[in-house]
Amino acid sequence: VEPSWSVQVDPSVRGGSGVELRAKTTTGCLLQGSAIRERKAPPADVGKEAATFLQSQIAHGGCVDEHLCDQLVGFMSLAPGLSKIRCGPLSDHTKTAIHLAELMTG
């Protein structure tokens, strides 16, 4: 992963903080890590949480992060033939999406 960055500051109505990080791999995969916390959370901790999550997604070697994986299951279940994606460990959301797709498509 080759690092690059941009900064966007959006005022928060409640005064909390959030960080969203994205990584594009050399093969074109897009992965994401984010964290949102209340006003009392130190901004450095919010950034560290987002970076830690992104690092875990990269380490799994998948082509999609866990937040995208569950959203793709519905589309995959409707596509003709066999659909495959490479992702890390399945989240509860992804497991639920798979179960619902199986119920709906037989």
Protein backbone atom coordinates (compact mmCIF):
# COMPACT_ATOMS: atom_id res chain seq x y z
CA VAL A 1 0.00 0.00 0.00
CA GLU A 2 1.48 3.31 -1.07
CA PRO A 3 0.54 6.09 1.38
CA SER A 4 -1.17 9.27 0.25
CA TRP A 5 -3.57 11.52 2.09
CA SER A 6 -5.92 14.44 2.02
CA VAL A 7 -7.57 16.35 4.84
CA GLN A 8 -11.18 17.43 4.97
CA VAL A 9 -12.52 19.28 7.99
CA ASP A 10 -16.26 19.28 8.57
CA PRO A 11 -17.64 21.12 11.60
CA SER A 12 -19.34 18.84 14.09
CA VAL A 13 -22.72 19.92 15.46
CA ARG A 14 -22.11 18.07 18.72
CA GLY A 15 -18.39 18.70 19.00
CA GLY A 16 -17.24 15.09 18.67
CA SER A 17 -14.50 13.91 16.38
CA GLY A 18 -14.17 11.41 13.59
CA VAL A 19 -11.48 10.04 11.33
CA GLU A 20 -11.88 8.11 8.11
CA LEU A 21 -8.89 6.49 6.46
CA ARG A 22 -8.80 4.78 3.08
CA ALA A 23 -6.16 2.60 1.49
CA LYS A 24 -5.88 1.60 -2.15
CA THR A 25 -3.73 -1.45 -2.70
CA THR A 26 -1.39 -1.92 -5.63
CA THR A 27 -4.03 -4.24 -7.14
CA GLY A 28 -6.76 -1.60 -6.88
CA CYS A 29 -8.58 -2.88 -3.80
CA LEU A 30 -10.11 -0.18 -1.61
CA LEU A 31 -10.11 -0.65 2.16
CA GLN A 32 -11.36 1.67 4.87
CA GLY A 33 -10.95 2.30 8.57
CA SER A 34 -12.91 4.83 10.61
CA ALA A 35 -13.73 5.89 14.14
CA ILE A 36 -16.21 8.38 15.61
CA ARG A 37 -16.16 9.45 19.25
CA GLU A 38 -17.81 11.90 21.60
CA ARG A 39 -16.31 15.24 22.53
CA LYS A 40 -14.40 13.86 25.54
CA ALA A 41 -12.31 11.41 23.50
CA PRO A 42 -8.79 12.63 22.72
CA PRO A 43 -8.46 13.12 18.94
CA ALA A 44 -5.23 11.09 18.92
CA ASP A 45 -7.14 8.09 20.30
CA VAL A 46 -9.77 8.45 17.57
CA GLY A 47 -7.08 8.50 14.89
CA LYS A 48 -5.30 5.51 16.42
CA GLU A 49 -8.54 3.50 16.49
CA ALA A 50 -9.21 4.23 12.81
CA ALA A 51 -5.62 3.37 11.85
CA THR A 52 -5.69 0.13 13.87
CA PHE A 53 -8.90 -0.95 12.16
CA LEU A 54 -7.51 -0.13 8.70
CA GLN A 55 -4.30 -2.04 9.46
CA SER A 56 -6.37 -5.09 10.46
CA GLN A 57 -8.29 -4.93 7.17
CA ILE A 58 -5.04 -4.73 5.19
CA ALA A 59 -3.51 -7.61 7.18
CA HIS A 60 -6.41 -9.93 6.30
CA GLY A 61 -5.45 -9.66 2.62
CA GLY A 62 -8.99 -9.18 1.38
CA CYS A 63 -10.16 -7.09 -1.54
CA VAL A 64 -13.00 -5.49 0.44
CA ASP A 65 -13.22 -4.39 4.05
CA GLU A 66 -15.79 -5.84 6.43
CA HIS A 67 -18.17 -2.88 5.98
CA LEU A 68 -18.43 -3.44 2.24
CA CYS A 69 -18.52 -7.22 2.38
CA ASP A 70 -21.99 -7.48 3.93
CA GLN A 71 -23.38 -4.98 1.43
CA LEU A 72 -22.14 -7.00 -1.55
CA VAL A 73 -23.80 -10.27 -0.46
CA GLY A 74 -27.26 -9.24 -1.73
CA PHE A 75 -25.92 -8.32 -5.17
CA MET A 76 -23.88 -11.51 -5.32
CA SER A 77 -26.93 -13.61 -4.49
CA LEU A 78 -28.82 -12.10 -7.42
CA ALA A 79 -26.04 -12.49 -9.97
CA PRO A 80 -26.15 -15.48 -12.29
CA GLY A 81 -23.57 -18.17 -11.61
CA LEU A 82 -21.10 -18.31 -8.75
CA SER A 83 -19.92 -15.09 -7.08
CA LYS A 84 -16.79 -14.81 -4.95
CA ILE A 85 -15.01 -12.05 -3.06
CA ARG A 86 -11.92 -12.10 -0.89
CA CYS A 87 -12.42 -10.63 2.56
CA GLY A 88 -11.21 -11.04 6.12
CA PRO A 89 -13.15 -12.78 8.88
CA LEU A 90 -16.92 -12.54 8.37
CA SER A 91 -18.64 -9.96 10.55
CA ASP A 92 -22.00 -10.67 12.16
CA HIS A 93 -23.56 -8.36 9.55
CA THR A 94 -22.04 -10.41 6.74
CA LYS A 95 -23.19 -13.69 8.31
CA THR A 96 -26.71 -12.26 8.60
CA ALA A 97 -26.65 -11.05 4.98
CA ILE A 98 -25.57 -14.52 3.82
CA HIS A 99 -28.33 -16.15 5.85
CA LEU A 100 -30.97 -13.78 4.44
CA ALA A 101 -29.69 -14.30 0.89
CA GLU A 102 -29.94 -18.06 1.35
CA LEU A 103 -33.51 -17.74 2.65
CA MET A 104 -34.54 -15.49 -0.22
CA THR A 105 -32.86 -17.37 -3.05
CA GLY A 106 -33.21 -20.92 -1.80
